Every structure is written in C-alpha cells, then in structure tokens.
Protein backbone atom coordinates (compact mmCIF):
# COMPACT_ATOMS: atom_id res chain seq x y z
CA MET A 1 23.32 -5.81 17.65
CA THR A 2 22.75 -9.30 18.97
CA SER A 3 19.27 -10.43 19.87
CA THR A 4 18.36 -11.28 23.43
CA ALA A 5 15.17 -12.73 24.81
CA LEU A 6 13.13 -10.23 26.80
CA GLU A 7 11.07 -11.13 29.82
CA VAL A 8 7.43 -10.23 29.30
CA ASP A 9 4.63 -11.04 31.70
CA GLU A 10 2.76 -14.18 30.62
CA THR A 11 -0.63 -12.43 30.73
CA VAL A 12 0.66 -9.87 28.21
CA VAL A 13 1.98 -12.61 25.92
CA ASN A 14 -1.35 -14.47 26.17
CA ALA A 15 -3.22 -11.25 25.30
CA THR A 16 -1.26 -10.97 22.04
CA THR A 17 -3.60 -13.24 20.11
CA GLU A 18 -3.42 -11.49 16.72
CA CYS A 19 0.34 -11.75 16.18
CA THR A 20 1.21 -13.19 12.77
CA LYS A 21 4.97 -12.94 13.43
CA ASN A 22 5.22 -15.63 16.13
CA LEU A 23 6.08 -13.00 18.78
CA ARG A 24 9.34 -12.24 16.98
CA CYS A 25 9.82 -9.00 18.90
CA LEU A 26 10.60 -11.00 22.03
CA VAL A 27 13.89 -12.16 20.52
CA SER A 28 14.58 -9.46 17.93
CA SER A 29 17.38 -6.98 18.23
CA ARG A 30 16.35 -3.46 19.16
CA SER A 31 17.08 -2.29 15.63
CA GLU A 32 14.47 -4.69 14.24
CA LEU A 33 11.63 -3.34 16.38
CA CYS A 34 9.39 -0.54 15.20
CA GLN A 35 10.69 2.58 16.89
CA VAL A 36 8.33 4.26 19.36
CA LYS A 37 8.52 7.93 18.46
CA HIS A 38 6.06 9.17 21.09
CA CYS A 39 4.06 7.56 23.86
CA VAL A 40 1.00 8.96 25.62
CA GLN A 41 0.58 7.79 29.22
CA GLY A 42 2.00 4.35 28.45
CA LYS A 43 -1.10 3.52 26.40
CA VAL A 44 -0.83 5.07 22.94
CA HIS A 45 2.43 4.30 21.16
CA PHE A 46 3.16 6.22 17.96
CA ILE A 47 5.65 4.24 15.91
CA GLU A 48 7.90 4.44 12.90
CA CYS A 49 8.89 1.23 11.15
CA GLU A 50 11.75 0.85 8.71
CA ARG A 51 10.51 -2.52 7.51
CA ILE A 52 7.52 -2.54 5.22
CA GLU A 53 5.89 -5.67 6.47
CA TYR A 54 2.31 -6.41 7.45
CA CYS A 55 1.58 -6.29 11.18
CA SER A 56 -1.92 -6.89 12.49
CA TYR A 57 -1.27 -4.53 15.41
CA GLN A 58 -0.07 -1.55 13.35
CA MET A 59 -2.85 0.97 12.85
CA SER A 60 -2.78 3.98 10.55
CA PHE A 61 -3.31 7.26 12.41
CA GLY A 62 -3.19 10.47 10.37
CA THR A 63 0.14 10.48 8.57
CA GLY A 64 1.71 7.99 10.99
CA PHE A 65 1.04 4.74 12.78
CA VAL A 66 0.04 3.56 16.23
CA CYS A 67 1.07 0.20 17.69
CA ASN A 68 -1.62 -1.79 19.48
CA CYS A 69 0.54 -4.85 20.20
CA PRO A 70 0.42 -5.73 23.92
CA VAL A 71 3.93 -7.24 23.81
CA ARG A 72 5.54 -4.30 21.96
CA LYS A 73 3.86 -1.80 24.29
CA TYR A 74 5.07 -3.79 27.32
CA ILE A 75 8.63 -3.82 25.97
CA TYR A 76 8.59 -0.06 25.51
CA ASN A 77 6.94 0.66 28.86
CA SER A 78 9.25 -1.72 30.76
CA TYR A 79 12.58 -1.42 28.93
CA GLY A 80 12.32 2.03 27.33
CA PHE A 81 12.95 0.93 23.73
C-alpha cells in the first residue's frame, strides 16, 4: 500500500512531544501502523504491533499493549484505522 499524508490537528501534533520516530505514522502506510485491536470510548487504544521497535508511547498492559500516542489515537478516532 502506498503511503499518504494524513491530516491531523496541529494541537494534537504539538502534544506528541515524546515521539522518537519523527511522527512517522503521519506518512506511513496503514500496514506499518500498530493495529488498534480494541478501543474504549476513544481514549484507551489496545494495540498489536508486528514490528518490534521501541516506541515511547507504547505501554505494557497485562499481556498486551496500550498506545498513548496522541497522533496515533487521533488517526484511529478520525480515520478508523
């Protein structure tokens, strides 16, 4: 799949201060993003990532992971992926 730039509100981008990946998810293909497996009220995003790569916003939760990245959460809540 080709990558396309996504439009994300500037306040959300500015709130993403801990990103060590240079906001790569804004231009990544959908297949490169961690997959949101379950979302609770648009606030808690349980994810599954195929890439084993450090992300400062990925938090261990039980046997899975939660994403705390403002940009990734916005993408899921706005675009559904």
